[in-house]
Amino acid sequence: MTSSKGLEAKASAEFKEIALLSGIRKVTIDRSAYDGIIEVDVEDPKALLSFITDFVRSEPFKVRFILRVIPVDRVVDTKVGDIVKAVKELASAIGPGETFRITIEARESPYQDRQLIDAIADAVDRKVNLDSPDKIVLLEIFGEYSGVSVLSPHDIVSIQKLKRAA
C-alpha cells in the first residue's frame, strides 16, 4: 500500500479500519524503510481488494490517506535469478492467448531496468502489449528484496482513479 510521505500512520489506521469493515480480522501492517510505502499482510487479499474498490466507489471521501493498494505474489531477494524464477512460477497466470507488460518500480535497485526487463521477458512465452495488456508482470524493488506479481490491470487499486470515476 502507498500513502503520501509522512501520512503512513494515518493510512495504516485507515487501511485497518477498512479491513475490519470487510470482515477480515487478521491484518499485519508494517511501515517499510521507504517513505510512503506500507507493507500489509492480510488473510484474503483478493477479497479485500474487491471490497476496497467497492467501498471507494460508494464512499469516495471516506478514504483520505491510502493512495494505492498493490498485491504482491512473492517476495524474493533482489537477484536476477531469484526474480526470474519467481516470474516463471507465476507466469501460468498469463493465459495462452493473453498479452503482458512488465512494469518495474525500483527503489535502490542494483540493476538497470533494461537488464531486468530482458531477463523477465525471456522467462514469459507470451506476446507483449505495452498499451493495454491482459496481465502486468510487476516488479517492486526495495533494495535487497523485491516483490513480484502477475496481475490484471484492475488488481492495482488506485484510490484517486476510483474517486475520479465515482
Protein backbone atom coordinates (compact mmCIF):
# COMPACT_ATOMS: atom_id res chain seq x y z
CA MET A 1 0.00 0.00 0.00
CA THR A 2 1.18 3.54 -0.62
CA SER A 3 0.45 6.85 1.06
CA SER A 4 1.81 10.35 0.92
CA LYS A 5 5.12 10.87 2.69
CA GLY A 6 4.53 11.48 6.38
CA LEU A 7 0.99 10.06 6.35
CA GLU A 8 1.91 6.39 6.68
CA ALA A 9 0.43 6.05 10.19
CA LYS A 10 -2.89 7.59 9.14
CA ALA A 11 -3.02 5.41 6.00
CA SER A 12 -2.26 2.32 8.11
CA ALA A 13 -5.10 3.11 10.53
CA GLU A 14 -7.44 3.79 7.61
CA PHE A 15 -6.49 0.50 5.97
CA LYS A 16 -7.03 -1.46 9.18
CA GLU A 17 -10.47 0.13 9.60
CA ILE A 18 -11.45 -0.80 6.03
CA ALA A 19 -10.16 -4.34 6.50
CA LEU A 20 -12.27 -4.71 9.65
CA LEU A 21 -15.33 -3.38 7.80
CA SER A 22 -14.75 -6.05 5.17
CA GLY A 23 -14.80 -8.77 7.83
CA ILE A 24 -11.07 -9.51 7.71
CA ARG A 25 -9.63 -9.77 11.21
CA LYS A 26 -6.05 -10.87 10.56
CA VAL A 27 -4.11 -7.83 9.35
CA THR A 28 -0.41 -7.18 9.85
CA ILE A 29 0.82 -3.70 8.93
CA ASP A 30 4.47 -2.64 8.94
CA ARG A 31 5.99 0.62 7.79
CA SER A 32 8.77 -0.03 5.31
CA ALA A 33 12.12 1.70 5.20
CA TYR A 34 10.80 3.76 2.27
CA ASP A 35 8.65 6.87 2.67
CA GLY A 36 5.06 6.30 1.60
CA ILE A 37 5.38 2.50 1.40
CA ILE A 38 3.48 0.36 3.89
CA GLU A 39 3.75 -3.43 3.97
CA VAL A 40 0.47 -5.21 4.66
CA ASP A 41 -0.25 -8.90 5.14
CA VAL A 42 -3.91 -9.98 5.12
CA GLU A 43 -5.63 -13.36 5.09
CA ASP A 44 -7.64 -12.86 1.86
CA PRO A 45 -6.02 -10.13 -0.26
CA LYS A 46 -8.19 -10.58 -3.38
CA ALA A 47 -11.44 -10.30 -1.39
CA LEU A 48 -10.09 -7.23 0.39
CA LEU A 49 -9.08 -5.59 -2.90
CA SER A 50 -12.58 -6.14 -4.21
CA PHE A 51 -14.08 -4.71 -1.01
CA ILE A 52 -11.79 -1.65 -1.11
CA THR A 53 -12.74 -0.99 -4.74
CA ASP A 54 -16.46 -1.17 -3.96
CA PHE A 55 -16.01 0.86 -0.75
CA VAL A 56 -14.20 3.71 -2.53
CA ARG A 57 -16.81 3.75 -5.30
CA SER A 58 -19.66 4.02 -2.78
CA GLU A 59 -17.90 6.23 -0.20
CA PRO A 60 -15.19 8.11 -2.16
CA PHE A 61 -14.48 10.71 0.52
CA LYS A 62 -14.03 8.26 3.39
CA VAL A 63 -10.64 7.14 2.07
CA ARG A 64 -8.25 10.04 2.53
CA PHE A 65 -4.77 8.67 3.18
CA ILE A 66 -4.36 5.48 1.13
CA LEU A 67 -3.14 6.20 -2.40
CA ARG A 68 -2.69 2.75 -3.96
CA VAL A 69 -3.08 -0.88 -2.95
CA ILE A 70 -0.84 -3.27 -4.87
CA PRO A 71 -0.89 -7.03 -4.22
CA VAL A 72 2.43 -8.89 -4.15
CA ASP A 73 2.54 -12.59 -5.04
CA ARG A 74 6.13 -13.35 -3.99
CA VAL A 75 8.91 -11.63 -2.08
CA VAL A 76 12.42 -12.59 -3.21
CA ASP A 77 15.99 -11.40 -2.87
CA THR A 78 16.85 -8.74 -5.44
CA LYS A 79 18.90 -11.06 -7.62
CA VAL A 80 18.10 -11.55 -11.29
CA GLY A 81 17.98 -15.34 -10.89
CA ASP A 82 15.56 -15.19 -7.97
CA ILE A 83 13.33 -12.66 -9.74
CA VAL A 84 13.23 -14.72 -12.95
CA LYS A 85 12.48 -17.90 -11.00
CA ALA A 86 9.51 -16.20 -9.29
CA VAL A 87 8.24 -14.84 -12.61
CA LYS A 88 8.44 -18.32 -14.18
CA GLU A 89 6.43 -19.76 -11.26
CA LEU A 90 3.78 -17.04 -11.61
CA ALA A 91 3.67 -16.84 -15.42
CA SER A 92 0.99 -19.54 -15.67
CA ALA A 93 -1.45 -16.80 -14.62
CA ILE A 94 -0.95 -15.35 -18.11
CA GLY A 95 -3.21 -17.41 -20.37
CA PRO A 96 -2.09 -18.73 -23.78
CA GLY A 97 -3.93 -16.02 -25.72
CA GLU A 98 -3.20 -13.22 -23.26
CA THR A 99 -0.69 -10.39 -23.54
CA PHE A 100 1.51 -8.88 -20.85
CA ARG A 101 3.60 -5.87 -19.94
CA ILE A 102 6.48 -5.60 -17.49
CA THR A 103 6.36 -2.72 -15.01
CA ILE A 104 9.26 -2.02 -12.69
CA GLU A 105 9.04 0.29 -9.69
CA ALA A 106 12.54 0.47 -8.28
CA ARG A 107 13.91 1.94 -5.10
CA GLU A 108 17.64 1.35 -4.63
CA SER A 109 17.94 -1.19 -7.45
CA PRO A 110 21.34 -2.67 -8.20
CA TYR A 111 20.21 -3.26 -11.80
CA GLN A 112 19.26 -1.20 -14.81
CA ASP A 113 15.58 -1.58 -15.77
CA ARG A 114 16.55 -2.83 -19.25
CA GLN A 115 18.57 -5.70 -17.77
CA LEU A 116 15.60 -6.84 -15.68
CA ILE A 117 13.07 -6.38 -18.49
CA ASP A 118 15.16 -8.51 -20.87
CA ALA A 119 15.57 -11.30 -18.28
CA ILE A 120 11.87 -11.29 -17.33
CA ALA A 121 10.66 -11.12 -20.95
CA ASP A 122 12.78 -14.17 -21.81
CA ALA A 123 11.02 -16.08 -18.98
CA VAL A 124 7.48 -15.36 -20.25
CA ASP A 125 6.41 -17.01 -23.50
CA ARG A 126 3.55 -14.64 -24.33
CA LYS A 127 3.02 -11.62 -26.57
CA VAL A 128 3.85 -8.19 -25.20
CA ASN A 129 1.31 -5.35 -25.25
CA LEU A 130 2.58 -2.15 -23.69
CA ASP A 131 -0.64 -0.15 -24.07
CA SER A 132 -3.44 -2.44 -22.89
CA PRO A 133 -2.07 -5.77 -21.65
CA ASP A 134 -4.23 -8.53 -20.21
CA LYS A 135 -1.68 -9.00 -17.40
CA ILE A 136 1.09 -6.98 -15.80
CA VAL A 137 4.28 -8.55 -14.52
CA LEU A 138 5.03 -6.11 -11.71
CA LEU A 139 8.43 -5.93 -10.07
CA GLU A 140 8.66 -3.74 -6.96
CA ILE A 141 12.30 -3.37 -5.90
CA PHE A 142 13.10 -2.31 -2.35
CA GLY A 143 16.88 -2.53 -2.17
CA GLU A 144 17.83 -6.08 -1.17
CA TYR A 145 14.35 -7.57 -1.58
CA SER A 146 11.72 -7.39 -4.31
CA GLY A 147 8.03 -8.06 -4.70
CA VAL A 148 6.99 -9.97 -7.82
CA SER A 149 3.40 -10.14 -9.04
CA VAL A 150 1.41 -11.16 -12.09
CA LEU A 151 -1.74 -9.06 -12.02
CA SER A 152 -4.68 -7.98 -14.10
CA PRO A 153 -4.63 -4.20 -14.56
CA HIS A 154 -7.67 -3.85 -12.26
CA ASP A 155 -5.79 -5.64 -9.43
CA ILE A 156 -3.75 -2.48 -8.84
CA VAL A 157 -6.15 -0.28 -6.93
CA SER A 158 -5.54 3.45 -7.37
CA ILE A 159 -7.76 5.28 -4.92
CA GLN A 160 -7.51 8.54 -6.89
CA LYS A 161 -8.65 6.90 -10.14
CA LEU A 162 -11.57 5.26 -8.34
CA LYS A 163 -12.57 8.59 -6.80
CA ARG A 164 -12.49 10.34 -10.17
CA ALA A 165 -14.67 7.62 -11.67
CA ALA A 166 -17.19 7.73 -8.77
